[in-house]
Amino acid sequence: MAHATKAQRLAHPETHYRTPDDLLRDDTLSAEEKKKALDVWEQDARQMLTASNEGMPGSNEGEKTNDHHQLGQIERAKETLGERPTHKPAH
């Protein structure tokens, strides 16, 4: 299997890294690239969690039962990069 390009890893980090900490350890990415990838990962995890909570099956339903756990890991990874967490209002 060929290695993913940097653009692929940034666009779909959850498919290329096991955890947000794994992403942080990727020395081929700059701090800004890591931040962008974590933002994408967080957005995807929140969308899956929202869809799950609303009873809508996601395209990967059943594959990632720990999306809500990933959010905490993503926030901690962002803090490691020096970013203050942004709390999203509940709907």
Protein backbone atom coordinates (compact mmCIF):
# COMPACT_ATOMS: atom_id res chain seq x y z
CA MET A 1 0.00 0.00 0.00
CA ALA A 2 1.40 3.39 -0.99
CA HIS A 3 1.96 6.08 1.60
CA ALA A 4 -0.71 8.76 1.77
CA THR A 5 0.23 12.19 0.52
CA LYS A 6 0.39 15.08 2.95
CA ALA A 7 -2.78 16.52 1.39
CA GLN A 8 -4.63 13.24 1.99
CA ARG A 9 -3.47 13.10 5.60
CA LEU A 10 -4.60 16.70 6.18
CA ALA A 11 -7.99 16.21 4.50
CA HIS A 12 -8.82 12.92 6.27
CA PRO A 13 -6.65 12.66 9.38
CA GLU A 14 -8.94 10.17 11.11
CA THR A 15 -8.24 7.60 8.39
CA HIS A 16 -4.45 8.03 8.51
CA TYR A 17 -3.78 8.39 12.25
CA ARG A 18 -4.96 6.10 15.02
CA THR A 19 -5.19 8.94 17.56
CA PRO A 20 -4.70 12.72 17.62
CA ASP A 21 -1.44 12.11 19.51
CA ASP A 22 -0.19 10.05 16.56
CA LEU A 23 -0.87 13.05 14.34
CA LEU A 24 1.10 15.29 16.71
CA ARG A 25 4.07 12.93 16.43
CA ASP A 26 4.15 13.22 12.62
CA ASP A 27 7.35 15.21 12.04
CA THR A 28 6.50 15.72 8.36
CA LEU A 29 3.73 18.18 9.30
CA SER A 30 4.23 21.74 10.47
CA ALA A 31 2.45 23.01 13.59
CA GLU A 32 0.00 24.91 11.35
CA GLU A 33 -0.71 21.78 9.30
CA LYS A 34 -1.28 19.79 12.48
CA LYS A 35 -3.73 22.44 13.71
CA LYS A 36 -5.64 22.33 10.42
CA ALA A 37 -5.76 18.53 10.47
CA LEU A 38 -7.00 18.53 14.08
CA ASP A 39 -9.69 21.08 13.12
CA VAL A 40 -10.86 18.77 10.32
CA TRP A 41 -10.80 15.76 12.64
CA GLU A 42 -12.78 17.65 15.29
CA GLN A 43 -15.38 18.81 12.79
CA ASP A 44 -15.82 15.28 11.40
CA ALA A 45 -16.12 13.78 14.90
CA ARG A 46 -18.69 16.40 15.93
CA GLN A 47 -20.74 15.79 12.79
CA MET A 48 -20.73 12.03 13.37
CA LEU A 49 -21.68 12.50 17.02
CA THR A 50 -24.51 14.90 16.11
CA ALA A 51 -25.82 12.56 13.42
CA SER A 52 -25.65 9.63 15.82
CA ASN A 53 -27.48 11.58 18.53
CA GLU A 54 -30.20 12.49 16.04
CA GLY A 55 -30.61 8.88 14.97
CA MET A 56 -29.19 9.43 11.51
CA PRO A 57 -26.80 6.72 10.36
CA GLY A 58 -23.43 8.02 9.26
CA SER A 59 -21.62 6.62 6.27
CA ASN A 60 -19.27 4.81 8.65
CA GLU A 61 -21.79 3.95 11.34
CA GLY A 62 -20.59 1.13 13.48
CA GLU A 63 -16.97 1.59 12.49
CA LYS A 64 -16.12 4.32 14.98
CA THR A 65 -18.08 3.95 18.16
CA ASN A 66 -15.62 6.19 20.01
CA ASP A 67 -16.15 9.49 18.15
CA HIS A 68 -17.13 11.23 21.40
CA HIS A 69 -13.92 9.99 23.04
CA GLN A 70 -11.92 11.37 20.13
CA LEU A 71 -13.19 14.89 20.83
CA GLY A 72 -11.43 15.00 24.19
CA GLN A 73 -8.23 13.67 22.64
CA ILE A 74 -8.46 16.23 19.83
CA GLU A 75 -8.95 19.09 22.29
CA ARG A 76 -5.95 17.95 24.35
CA ALA A 77 -3.84 17.66 21.20
CA LYS A 78 -4.82 21.20 20.20
CA GLU A 79 -3.86 22.44 23.66
CA THR A 80 -0.46 20.77 23.18
CA LEU A 81 -0.04 22.93 20.07
CA GLY A 82 -0.86 26.00 22.16
CA GLU A 83 -4.41 26.52 20.98
CA ARG A 84 -7.09 27.40 23.49
CA PRO A 85 -10.10 25.11 23.20
CA THR A 86 -13.24 26.61 21.75
CA HIS A 87 -16.39 25.37 23.38
CA LYS A 88 -19.23 24.84 20.96
CA PRO A 89 -22.71 25.74 22.21
CA ALA A 90 -25.10 22.82 22.64
CA HIS A 91 -28.05 22.72 20.29
